[in-house]
Amino acid sequence: MCAEKGFNFGSIGKAGKLFLKNESEFYKFRSTSALDNENCKTCNRLPLCLGGCYLKRYKDKNVCVAKHKIGKDFWDIIRLEIYSDIKRNLVKELNII
């Protein structure tokens, strides 16, 4: 789970017990789904982005991170990931159909 300064639902005690400040908001946050966003339901990028950041979706259920992640086109990001995998020898051969 990501973190944003000043944004939290509680804390974890020394024994690992979860202490929630607002249980209903925590479960609302955890149950956010890309399928609640009409644009995501029909987006061909959904299988790759999986709806993006939970926190962004919690704050705005209509947010689309696939179109504007770090100012690059989604397909450029995929190309960079593939290039990175090739450079790190994680992929030996790439066949694009």
Protein backbone atom coordinates (compact mmCIF):
# COMPACT_ATOMS: atom_id res chain seq x y z
CA MET A 1 0.00 0.00 0.00
CA CYS A 2 1.26 3.48 -0.79
CA ALA A 3 1.48 6.33 1.66
CA GLU A 4 0.70 10.00 1.52
CA LYS A 5 1.92 12.30 4.25
CA GLY A 6 -0.84 12.85 6.79
CA PHE A 7 -3.15 10.24 5.24
CA ASN A 8 -3.67 7.01 7.17
CA PHE A 9 -6.38 4.80 8.59
CA GLY A 10 -4.64 3.87 11.81
CA SER A 11 -1.50 2.15 13.02
CA ILE A 12 0.06 -1.24 13.61
CA GLY A 13 1.01 -2.08 17.20
CA LYS A 14 4.19 -3.80 18.36
CA ALA A 15 2.52 -7.22 18.35
CA GLY A 16 1.28 -6.62 14.79
CA LYS A 17 -2.28 -5.76 15.79
CA LEU A 18 -4.04 -3.31 13.47
CA PHE A 19 -5.63 -0.29 15.15
CA LEU A 20 -8.06 1.49 12.81
CA LYS A 21 -9.23 5.07 13.39
CA ASN A 22 -12.22 4.67 11.08
CA GLU A 23 -12.98 1.07 10.13
CA SER A 24 -15.74 1.85 7.61
CA GLU A 25 -13.50 4.30 5.69
CA PHE A 26 -10.67 1.77 5.68
CA TYR A 27 -12.90 -0.90 4.13
CA LYS A 28 -14.32 1.63 1.68
CA PHE A 29 -10.73 2.42 0.63
CA ARG A 30 -9.81 -1.28 0.27
CA SER A 31 -12.94 -2.04 -1.74
CA THR A 32 -12.42 0.64 -4.39
CA SER A 33 -12.48 -0.95 -7.79
CA ALA A 34 -11.56 0.15 -11.28
CA LEU A 35 -14.87 -1.40 -12.32
CA ASP A 36 -16.66 1.43 -10.50
CA ASN A 37 -15.24 3.75 -13.17
CA GLU A 38 -17.21 3.62 -16.44
CA ASN A 39 -14.12 4.60 -18.44
CA CYS A 40 -12.08 1.75 -16.93
CA LYS A 41 -14.74 -0.83 -17.75
CA THR A 42 -14.24 -0.26 -21.48
CA CYS A 43 -10.53 0.64 -21.48
CA ASN A 44 -8.15 -1.67 -23.35
CA ARG A 45 -5.38 -0.65 -20.90
CA LEU A 46 -7.18 -1.98 -17.80
CA PRO A 47 -5.52 -5.43 -17.88
CA LEU A 48 -2.13 -3.71 -17.59
CA CYS A 49 -2.78 -0.82 -15.22
CA LEU A 50 -5.34 -2.71 -13.07
CA GLY A 51 -7.02 0.56 -12.22
CA GLY A 52 -3.92 2.27 -10.91
CA CYS A 53 -3.39 3.64 -7.43
CA TYR A 54 -5.94 2.77 -4.71
CA LEU A 55 -5.46 6.15 -3.06
CA LYS A 56 -6.09 8.10 -6.27
CA ARG A 57 -9.18 5.97 -6.97
CA TYR A 58 -10.41 6.46 -3.39
CA LYS A 59 -10.10 10.23 -3.76
CA ASP A 60 -11.58 10.33 -7.28
CA LYS A 61 -13.26 7.21 -8.66
CA ASN A 62 -13.07 8.63 -12.21
CA VAL A 63 -9.29 9.12 -12.25
CA CYS A 64 -7.35 7.48 -15.10
CA VAL A 65 -3.70 6.80 -14.38
CA ALA A 66 -3.16 4.82 -17.58
CA LYS A 67 -3.37 7.93 -19.75
CA HIS A 68 -1.14 10.23 -17.73
CA LYS A 69 1.41 8.26 -15.72
CA ILE A 70 4.59 10.30 -15.29
CA GLY A 71 3.73 12.37 -18.35
CA LYS A 72 4.37 9.55 -20.81
CA ASP A 73 2.03 7.74 -23.15
CA PHE A 74 0.96 4.37 -21.78
CA TRP A 75 2.56 2.48 -24.69
CA ASP A 76 5.86 4.32 -24.13
CA ILE A 77 5.81 3.05 -20.55
CA ILE A 78 5.31 -0.52 -21.81
CA ARG A 79 8.20 -0.10 -24.26
CA LEU A 80 10.42 1.18 -21.43
CA GLU A 81 9.48 -1.81 -19.26
CA ILE A 82 10.31 -4.24 -22.09
CA TYR A 83 13.59 -2.44 -22.78
CA SER A 84 14.46 -2.58 -19.08
CA ASP A 85 13.73 -6.33 -18.97
CA ILE A 86 15.93 -6.92 -22.03
CA LYS A 87 18.80 -4.85 -20.59
CA ARG A 88 18.65 -6.78 -17.31
CA ASN A 89 18.60 -10.08 -19.21
CA LEU A 90 15.16 -10.96 -17.87
CA VAL A 91 13.95 -11.52 -21.43
CA LYS A 92 16.06 -13.33 -24.02
CA GLU A 93 13.75 -12.97 -26.98
CA LEU A 94 10.70 -10.88 -27.70
CA ASN A 95 8.11 -11.96 -30.24
CA ILE A 96 5.39 -9.46 -30.99
CA ILE A 97 2.36 -10.85 -32.72
